[in-house]
N, C-alpha and C. Protein backbone atom coordinates (compact mmCIF):
# COMPACT_ATOMS: atom_id res chain seq x y z
N MET A 1 7.08 -4.98 -1.94
CA MET A 1 7.56 -3.70 -1.48
C MET A 1 7.50 -3.63 0.05
N GLU A 2 6.41 -4.13 0.60
CA GLU A 2 6.28 -4.08 2.07
C GLU A 2 7.36 -4.89 2.75
N MET A 3 7.61 -6.09 2.24
CA MET A 3 8.62 -6.95 2.85
C MET A 3 10.03 -6.39 2.63
N LYS A 4 10.28 -5.91 1.43
CA LYS A 4 11.61 -5.41 1.11
C LYS A 4 11.98 -4.19 1.95
N HIS A 5 11.00 -3.30 2.19
CA HIS A 5 11.27 -2.06 2.91
C HIS A 5 10.73 -2.06 4.34
N ASN A 6 10.16 -3.18 4.75
CA ASN A 6 9.63 -3.34 6.11
C ASN A 6 8.64 -2.22 6.46
N ILE A 7 7.65 -2.03 5.58
CA ILE A 7 6.61 -1.01 5.81
C ILE A 7 5.24 -1.63 5.55
N ASP A 8 4.23 -0.98 6.06
CA ASP A 8 2.86 -1.26 5.66
C ASP A 8 2.53 -0.21 4.60
N PHE A 9 2.36 -0.65 3.37
CA PHE A 9 2.21 0.27 2.24
C PHE A 9 1.10 1.28 2.47
N ARG A 10 -0.05 0.81 2.89
CA ARG A 10 -1.21 1.69 3.06
C ARG A 10 -0.95 2.74 4.15
N ASP A 11 -0.33 2.35 5.24
CA ASP A 11 -0.02 3.31 6.31
C ASP A 11 1.08 4.29 5.88
N TYR A 12 2.13 3.77 5.27
CA TYR A 12 3.25 4.60 4.86
C TYR A 12 2.83 5.66 3.86
N PHE A 13 1.95 5.29 2.94
CA PHE A 13 1.51 6.21 1.90
C PHE A 13 0.12 6.79 2.18
N ALA A 14 -0.30 6.81 3.43
CA ALA A 14 -1.63 7.33 3.78
C ALA A 14 -1.88 8.74 3.23
N PRO A 15 -0.94 9.68 3.33
CA PRO A 15 -1.19 11.00 2.74
C PRO A 15 -1.42 10.94 1.23
N SER A 16 -0.74 10.03 0.56
CA SER A 16 -0.92 9.87 -0.88
C SER A 16 -2.31 9.34 -1.21
N PHE A 17 -2.78 8.40 -0.41
CA PHE A 17 -4.12 7.87 -0.64
C PHE A 17 -5.18 8.95 -0.41
N ASP A 18 -4.93 9.84 0.52
CA ASP A 18 -5.85 10.97 0.73
C ASP A 18 -5.90 11.84 -0.52
N LYS A 19 -4.74 12.07 -1.13
CA LYS A 19 -4.68 12.89 -2.35
C LYS A 19 -5.34 12.19 -3.54
N LEU A 20 -5.32 10.87 -3.54
CA LEU A 20 -5.94 10.11 -4.63
C LEU A 20 -7.46 10.10 -4.57
N GLN A 21 -8.01 10.44 -3.43
CA GLN A 21 -9.46 10.31 -3.24
C GLN A 21 -10.26 11.10 -4.27
N THR A 22 -9.80 12.26 -4.68
CA THR A 22 -10.50 13.04 -5.70
C THR A 22 -10.59 12.25 -7.00
N PHE A 23 -9.51 11.58 -7.37
CA PHE A 23 -9.50 10.78 -8.59
C PHE A 23 -10.42 9.57 -8.45
N VAL A 24 -10.47 8.99 -7.26
CA VAL A 24 -11.39 7.88 -7.00
C VAL A 24 -12.83 8.37 -7.12
N ASP A 25 -13.12 9.50 -6.50
CA ASP A 25 -14.48 10.07 -6.55
C ASP A 25 -14.92 10.37 -7.97
N ASP A 26 -13.97 10.75 -8.83
CA ASP A 26 -14.27 11.07 -10.22
C ASP A 26 -14.29 9.84 -11.12
N GLY A 27 -14.02 8.66 -10.56
CA GLY A 27 -14.05 7.43 -11.32
C GLY A 27 -12.84 7.21 -12.21
N LEU A 28 -11.77 7.94 -11.95
CA LEU A 28 -10.56 7.82 -12.75
C LEU A 28 -9.60 6.77 -12.20
N VAL A 29 -9.74 6.47 -10.93
CA VAL A 29 -8.85 5.53 -10.24
C VAL A 29 -9.69 4.67 -9.31
N SER A 30 -9.30 3.42 -9.18
CA SER A 30 -9.88 2.58 -8.13
C SER A 30 -8.74 1.96 -7.34
N ILE A 31 -8.98 1.77 -6.07
CA ILE A 31 -7.95 1.24 -5.18
C ILE A 31 -8.44 -0.09 -4.64
N GLU A 32 -7.66 -1.13 -4.89
CA GLU A 32 -7.96 -2.45 -4.37
C GLU A 32 -6.94 -2.79 -3.30
N SER A 33 -7.09 -3.93 -2.68
CA SER A 33 -6.21 -4.27 -1.56
C SER A 33 -4.74 -4.35 -1.95
N ASN A 34 -4.46 -4.75 -3.19
CA ASN A 34 -3.05 -4.90 -3.58
C ASN A 34 -2.67 -4.15 -4.85
N LYS A 35 -3.54 -3.25 -5.31
CA LYS A 35 -3.19 -2.49 -6.52
C LYS A 35 -4.04 -1.23 -6.66
N ILE A 36 -3.51 -0.31 -7.44
CA ILE A 36 -4.20 0.92 -7.79
C ILE A 36 -4.42 0.85 -9.29
N ILE A 37 -5.65 1.02 -9.72
CA ILE A 37 -5.99 0.91 -11.14
C ILE A 37 -6.39 2.27 -11.67
N VAL A 38 -5.75 2.67 -12.76
CA VAL A 38 -6.09 3.93 -13.44
C VAL A 38 -6.99 3.56 -14.61
N HIS A 39 -8.18 4.14 -14.66
CA HIS A 39 -9.16 3.82 -15.68
C HIS A 39 -9.13 4.83 -16.82
N GLY A 40 -9.51 4.40 -18.00
CA GLY A 40 -9.69 5.19 -19.21
C GLY A 40 -9.18 6.62 -19.18
N LEU A 41 -10.07 7.56 -18.86
CA LEU A 41 -9.71 8.98 -18.88
C LEU A 41 -8.64 9.34 -17.85
N GLY A 42 -8.48 8.51 -16.84
CA GLY A 42 -7.44 8.75 -15.85
C GLY A 42 -6.05 8.75 -16.46
N ARG A 43 -5.90 8.05 -17.58
CA ARG A 43 -4.60 8.02 -18.25
C ARG A 43 -4.20 9.40 -18.76
N LEU A 44 -5.20 10.23 -19.04
CA LEU A 44 -4.91 11.58 -19.52
C LEU A 44 -4.33 12.46 -18.42
N VAL A 45 -4.58 12.10 -17.18
CA VAL A 45 -4.08 12.89 -16.05
C VAL A 45 -3.15 12.04 -15.16
N ILE A 46 -2.48 11.08 -15.78
CA ILE A 46 -1.62 10.16 -15.02
C ILE A 46 -0.52 10.92 -14.26
N ARG A 47 -0.05 12.01 -14.83
CA ARG A 47 0.98 12.80 -14.15
C ARG A 47 0.43 13.34 -12.83
N ASN A 48 -0.80 13.84 -12.85
CA ASN A 48 -1.41 14.34 -11.62
C ASN A 48 -1.61 13.22 -10.61
N ILE A 49 -2.00 12.06 -11.08
CA ILE A 49 -2.21 10.92 -10.20
C ILE A 49 -0.88 10.52 -9.56
N ALA A 50 0.17 10.42 -10.36
CA ALA A 50 1.49 10.04 -9.84
C ALA A 50 2.03 11.07 -8.86
N MET A 51 1.69 12.33 -9.05
CA MET A 51 2.17 13.39 -8.16
C MET A 51 1.70 13.17 -6.72
N ALA A 52 0.64 12.41 -6.53
CA ALA A 52 0.16 12.12 -5.17
C ALA A 52 1.21 11.35 -4.37
N PHE A 53 2.11 10.66 -5.06
CA PHE A 53 3.14 9.87 -4.38
C PHE A 53 4.50 10.56 -4.32
N ASP A 54 4.59 11.77 -4.80
CA ASP A 54 5.85 12.52 -4.77
C ASP A 54 6.01 13.17 -3.40
N ALA A 55 6.93 12.65 -2.63
CA ALA A 55 7.11 13.11 -1.25
C ALA A 55 7.65 14.53 -1.17
N TYR A 56 8.23 15.03 -2.24
CA TYR A 56 8.89 16.33 -2.19
C TYR A 56 8.15 17.44 -2.92
N ILE A 57 7.11 17.12 -3.66
CA ILE A 57 6.49 18.11 -4.53
C ILE A 57 5.86 19.27 -3.77
N ASP A 58 5.20 19.01 -2.66
CA ASP A 58 4.56 20.10 -1.92
C ASP A 58 5.59 21.14 -1.47
N GLN A 59 6.69 20.67 -0.91
CA GLN A 59 7.73 21.58 -0.45
C GLN A 59 8.38 22.30 -1.62
N MET A 60 8.64 21.59 -2.70
CA MET A 60 9.28 22.20 -3.86
C MET A 60 8.40 23.28 -4.49
N MET A 61 7.11 23.05 -4.53
CA MET A 61 6.20 24.01 -5.12
C MET A 61 6.10 25.28 -4.27
N LYS A 62 6.28 25.13 -2.96
CA LYS A 62 6.26 26.29 -2.07
C LYS A 62 7.52 27.13 -2.25
N GLU A 63 8.66 26.45 -2.39
CA GLU A 63 9.94 27.15 -2.47
C GLU A 63 10.18 27.77 -3.84
N LYS A 64 9.99 26.98 -4.86
CA LYS A 64 10.27 27.46 -6.21
C LYS A 64 9.51 26.61 -7.22
N PRO A 65 8.31 27.02 -7.59
CA PRO A 65 7.53 26.23 -8.54
C PRO A 65 8.15 26.27 -9.94
N ILE A 66 8.82 25.19 -10.30
CA ILE A 66 9.52 25.15 -11.59
C ILE A 66 8.87 24.22 -12.59
N PHE A 67 7.80 23.57 -12.19
CA PHE A 67 7.18 22.58 -13.07
C PHE A 67 6.12 23.25 -13.94
N SER A 68 5.92 22.66 -15.11
CA SER A 68 4.84 23.15 -15.95
C SER A 68 3.52 22.76 -15.28
N LYS A 69 2.50 23.55 -15.55
CA LYS A 69 1.20 23.28 -14.95
C LYS A 69 0.56 22.09 -15.64
N THR A 70 -0.20 21.33 -14.87
CA THR A 70 -0.92 20.20 -15.43
C THR A 70 -2.37 20.60 -15.62
N VAL A 71 -3.08 19.75 -16.31
CA VAL A 71 -4.49 20.03 -16.62
C VAL A 71 -5.31 20.05 -15.35
């Protein structure tokens, strides 16, 4: 991905990694140098974890929250 898009993944997605920290602290996710691992109970909240990488969700939720609430 880095080579294809000419980015540094960790720098480009730094805000997303900040959002993932809660899941890391709760033991639901671990972050390694080349992968993000979702553990056991983290699968139950995978939608919330994936939302950390949605570049548009914060703005969309401010304008018109149309999504169902997550756990």
